[in-house]
Amino acid sequence: MTQMTLYAPDITCEHCIATIGRTVAEIEGARFLGGDPESKTFAVEVAGGAVLDRVAEALAEEGYPLGDAPASNPEGGDAAPAHPGMTPLGMIGMPMASAPKSGEHHMQQIPNFKPSYLKVEKTEAGADITYSCPCGSTTEVFHLDRSQADQPPHSCCGHHTLVGPNAAERLRARLGDGAGGYDIDVQHMLMPWGQPVEAVQAVPRKA
């Protein structure tokens, strides 16, 4: 079972949380763990992506469709994530002038590189996440497959990228004793179905 926190913008009170709890409890392979009206979030455990889809459909029918966390402060301040540590897509980016020309791919790393997650497209299996890599490419894609509990990372130019629940822990486990030889960047993003996940990239440290 995979544990995740979901966001539903129409949650207003404890009654909403109770309704969501009852709805989730009726779905085989799903378990409701609790919710918070103030942040409009709730936690569930699901057996897989197909179960999450059924949860989303059932909640939409009850009037609580899953949605993206708001990207801005409701009082008009600077943009701020609705979940602590979460970076909503669209708030992050990489200057395109720093990217290589189409088809160009090389091993030279950008100094002080920090990955950007540029686009997310929902797919039948999950989502395709386009991201920037240390060589300057902005066309690398991680194909998130929700049916794989421990999906392997996407790798090129010596780096490794993984997106999904507990991605940082899983990537460090795959790197094993060699993890100390990488700079590991961890960011957070919302998937199109409302699930917050980790986006992790491990870049080899220069000798």
Protein backbone atom coordinates (compact mmCIF):
# COMPACT_ATOMS: atom_id res chain seq x y z
CA MET A 1 0.00 0.00 0.00
CA THR A 2 1.26 3.46 -0.93
CA GLN A 3 0.55 6.34 1.44
CA MET A 4 -0.08 9.78 -0.04
CA THR A 5 -1.54 13.18 0.81
CA LEU A 6 -4.15 14.57 -1.59
CA TYR A 7 -5.63 18.06 -2.03
CA ALA A 8 -9.32 18.81 -2.63
CA PRO A 9 -10.09 22.55 -2.98
CA ASP A 10 -13.76 22.18 -1.95
CA ILE A 11 -12.98 20.96 1.58
CA THR A 12 -14.27 23.52 4.09
CA CYS A 13 -14.87 21.73 7.39
CA GLU A 14 -14.67 18.53 9.43
CA HIS A 15 -17.95 17.37 7.86
CA CYS A 16 -16.20 17.40 4.45
CA ILE A 17 -13.38 15.30 5.89
CA ALA A 18 -15.88 12.83 7.34
CA THR A 19 -17.64 12.52 3.98
CA ILE A 20 -14.33 11.91 2.23
CA GLY A 21 -13.45 9.28 4.84
CA ARG A 22 -16.70 7.39 4.27
CA THR A 23 -16.28 7.57 0.50
CA VAL A 24 -12.71 6.26 0.57
CA ALA A 25 -13.70 3.45 2.96
CA GLU A 26 -16.13 2.09 0.36
CA ILE A 27 -13.39 1.57 -2.23
CA GLU A 28 -11.55 -1.73 -2.22
CA GLY A 29 -7.81 -1.30 -1.93
CA ALA A 30 -8.05 2.15 -0.33
CA ARG A 31 -7.84 3.25 3.31
CA PHE A 32 -8.55 6.72 4.74
CA LEU A 33 -5.96 7.92 7.27
CA GLY A 34 -7.15 11.40 8.22
CA GLY A 35 -7.59 14.94 6.96
CA ASP A 36 -7.08 18.63 7.71
CA PRO A 37 -9.82 21.14 6.71
CA GLU A 38 -7.49 24.12 7.07
CA SER A 39 -5.03 22.90 4.41
CA LYS A 40 -7.80 21.11 2.44
CA THR A 41 -5.73 17.92 2.44
CA PHE A 42 -6.28 14.34 3.48
CA ALA A 43 -4.13 11.21 3.65
CA VAL A 44 -4.94 7.83 2.17
CA GLU A 45 -3.31 4.50 1.46
CA VAL A 46 -3.98 2.93 -1.94
CA ALA A 47 -2.97 -0.37 -3.49
CA GLY A 48 -2.04 1.23 -6.83
CA GLY A 49 -2.72 3.84 -9.47
CA ALA A 50 -5.99 2.25 -10.59
CA VAL A 51 -7.31 2.43 -7.03
CA LEU A 52 -6.30 6.08 -6.81
CA ASP A 53 -8.27 6.75 -9.99
CA ARG A 54 -11.36 5.14 -8.42
CA VAL A 55 -10.87 7.25 -5.30
CA ALA A 56 -10.65 10.40 -7.43
CA GLU A 57 -13.80 9.49 -9.40
CA ALA A 58 -15.81 8.67 -6.27
CA LEU A 59 -14.78 11.89 -4.54
CA ALA A 60 -15.66 13.95 -7.60
CA GLU A 61 -19.15 12.42 -7.52
CA GLU A 62 -19.44 13.44 -3.85
CA GLY A 63 -18.45 17.02 -4.69
CA TYR A 64 -14.78 16.85 -3.67
CA PRO A 65 -12.72 16.61 -6.87
CA LEU A 66 -8.96 16.46 -6.42
CA GLY A 67 -7.09 19.50 -7.61
CA ASP A 68 -3.78 21.34 -7.73
CA ALA A 69 -2.61 23.21 -4.67
CA PRO A 70 -2.92 26.99 -5.20
CA ALA A 71 0.29 28.56 -6.44
CA SER A 72 -0.19 31.95 -4.79
CA ASN A 73 -0.85 33.43 -1.39
CA PRO A 74 -4.59 34.24 -1.08
CA GLU A 75 -3.68 37.56 0.60
CA GLY A 76 -1.77 38.64 -2.49
CA GLY A 77 1.76 37.94 -1.28
CA ASP A 78 4.49 36.04 -3.02
CA ALA A 79 3.64 32.70 -4.50
CA ALA A 80 3.68 30.00 -1.85
CA PRO A 81 3.02 26.26 -1.92
CA ALA A 82 -0.10 24.96 -0.19
CA HIS A 83 1.91 22.04 1.20
CA PRO A 84 5.14 22.75 3.11
CA GLY A 85 8.13 22.16 0.88
CA MET A 86 6.08 21.75 -2.29
CA THR A 87 7.03 23.56 -5.48
CA PRO A 88 4.00 23.90 -7.76
CA LEU A 89 4.78 23.29 -11.42
CA GLY A 90 5.03 26.49 -13.39
CA MET A 91 6.86 28.35 -10.59
CA ILE A 92 10.18 26.75 -11.48
CA GLY A 93 12.10 26.94 -14.71
CA MET A 94 15.47 27.05 -16.40
CA PRO A 95 16.60 29.87 -18.69
CA MET A 96 16.33 28.35 -22.14
CA ALA A 97 19.44 30.21 -23.29
CA SER A 98 21.49 27.86 -21.09
CA ALA A 99 20.15 24.77 -22.84
CA PRO A 100 21.97 23.12 -25.73
CA LYS A 101 20.56 23.25 -29.23
CA SER A 102 18.09 20.53 -30.20
CA GLY A 103 19.82 17.17 -30.50
CA GLU A 104 22.99 18.37 -28.75
CA HIS A 105 23.91 16.35 -25.67
CA HIS A 106 27.25 16.48 -23.91
CA MET A 107 28.84 15.53 -20.61
CA GLN A 108 29.96 19.00 -19.51
CA GLN A 109 28.04 20.01 -16.41
CA ILE A 110 26.57 23.46 -15.74
CA PRO A 111 28.25 25.04 -12.67
CA ASN A 112 26.02 25.16 -9.55
CA PHE A 113 23.34 23.26 -11.45
CA LYS A 114 19.85 22.85 -9.95
CA PRO A 115 17.32 20.77 -11.91
CA SER A 116 14.03 22.23 -13.11
CA TYR A 117 10.86 20.27 -13.81
CA LEU A 118 9.46 22.04 -16.83
CA LYS A 119 6.33 20.18 -17.88
CA VAL A 120 4.04 17.39 -16.68
CA GLU A 121 1.70 15.56 -19.03
CA LYS A 122 -0.78 12.96 -17.79
CA THR A 123 -0.49 9.59 -19.52
CA GLU A 124 -2.39 6.31 -19.33
CA ALA A 125 0.36 4.87 -17.10
CA GLY A 126 0.85 7.99 -14.98
CA ALA A 127 2.69 11.07 -16.22
CA ASP A 128 5.60 12.22 -18.38
CA ILE A 129 7.79 14.74 -16.55
CA THR A 130 10.12 16.84 -18.70
CA TYR A 131 13.13 18.09 -16.77
CA SER A 132 16.52 19.76 -17.19
CA CYS A 133 19.71 17.78 -16.71
CA PRO A 134 23.28 18.81 -15.77
CA CYS A 135 24.54 18.74 -19.39
CA GLY A 136 22.08 21.55 -20.23
CA SER A 137 19.42 19.47 -21.94
CA THR A 138 15.81 20.49 -21.27
CA THR A 139 14.25 17.60 -23.16
CA GLU A 140 14.86 14.71 -20.75
CA VAL A 141 11.65 12.90 -19.75
CA PHE A 142 10.88 10.69 -16.77
CA HIS A 143 7.97 8.38 -17.60
CA LEU A 144 6.19 7.89 -14.26
CA ASP A 145 4.39 4.53 -14.21
CA ARG A 146 2.03 4.29 -11.22
CA SER A 147 1.80 0.50 -11.61
CA GLN A 148 5.47 0.12 -10.56
CA ALA A 149 5.98 0.24 -6.81
CA ASP A 150 9.76 0.73 -7.17
CA GLN A 151 10.29 2.21 -10.61
CA PRO A 152 13.95 2.58 -11.64
CA PRO A 153 15.38 6.07 -12.22
CA HIS A 154 15.97 7.64 -15.61
CA SER A 155 19.68 8.15 -16.25
CA CYS A 156 21.82 10.05 -18.72
CA CYS A 157 25.09 11.99 -18.63
CA GLY A 158 25.96 10.25 -15.36
CA HIS A 159 22.98 11.63 -13.45
CA HIS A 160 19.92 9.76 -12.14
CA THR A 161 16.38 11.18 -11.87
CA LEU A 162 13.44 9.62 -10.05
CA VAL A 163 9.91 10.97 -9.52
CA GLY A 164 7.33 9.37 -7.25
CA PRO A 165 6.39 8.68 -3.63
CA ASN A 166 9.46 8.45 -1.36
CA ALA A 167 11.68 8.97 -4.41
CA ALA A 168 14.63 10.33 -2.39
CA GLU A 169 14.74 7.31 -0.10
CA ARG A 170 14.38 4.91 -3.03
CA LEU A 171 17.06 6.60 -5.13
CA ARG A 172 19.55 6.66 -2.25
CA ALA A 173 18.88 2.94 -1.69
CA ARG A 174 19.62 2.22 -5.36
CA LEU A 175 22.86 4.21 -5.23
CA GLY A 176 23.87 2.34 -2.07
CA ASP A 177 27.38 3.03 -0.81
CA GLY A 178 27.98 5.22 -3.85
CA ALA A 179 25.38 7.80 -2.80
CA GLY A 180 28.12 9.90 -1.17
CA GLY A 181 29.58 10.59 -4.59
CA TYR A 182 26.48 12.50 -5.73
CA ASP A 183 24.86 15.84 -5.03
CA ILE A 184 21.21 14.96 -4.46
CA ASP A 185 18.51 17.56 -5.12
CA VAL A 186 15.00 16.93 -3.75
CA GLN A 187 11.96 18.93 -4.85
CA HIS A 188 8.21 18.41 -4.53
CA MET A 189 5.47 18.68 -7.13
CA LEU A 190 1.81 17.85 -7.66
CA MET A 191 0.81 15.25 -10.20
CA PRO A 192 -2.20 15.90 -12.48
CA TRP A 193 -4.39 13.67 -10.28
CA GLY A 194 -3.61 15.72 -7.14
CA GLN A 195 -0.90 13.57 -5.57
CA PRO A 196 2.19 15.32 -4.19
CA VAL A 197 5.40 13.42 -4.97
CA GLU A 198 9.15 13.87 -4.69
CA ALA A 199 11.31 14.69 -7.71
CA VAL A 200 14.92 13.72 -7.05
CA GLN A 201 18.05 14.09 -9.11
CA ALA A 202 21.49 12.73 -8.23
CA VAL A 203 24.40 14.44 -10.02
CA PRO A 204 27.97 13.06 -9.75
CA ARG A 205 30.29 15.30 -7.79
CA LYS A 206 33.31 16.53 -9.67
CA ALA A 207 36.56 14.87 -8.64
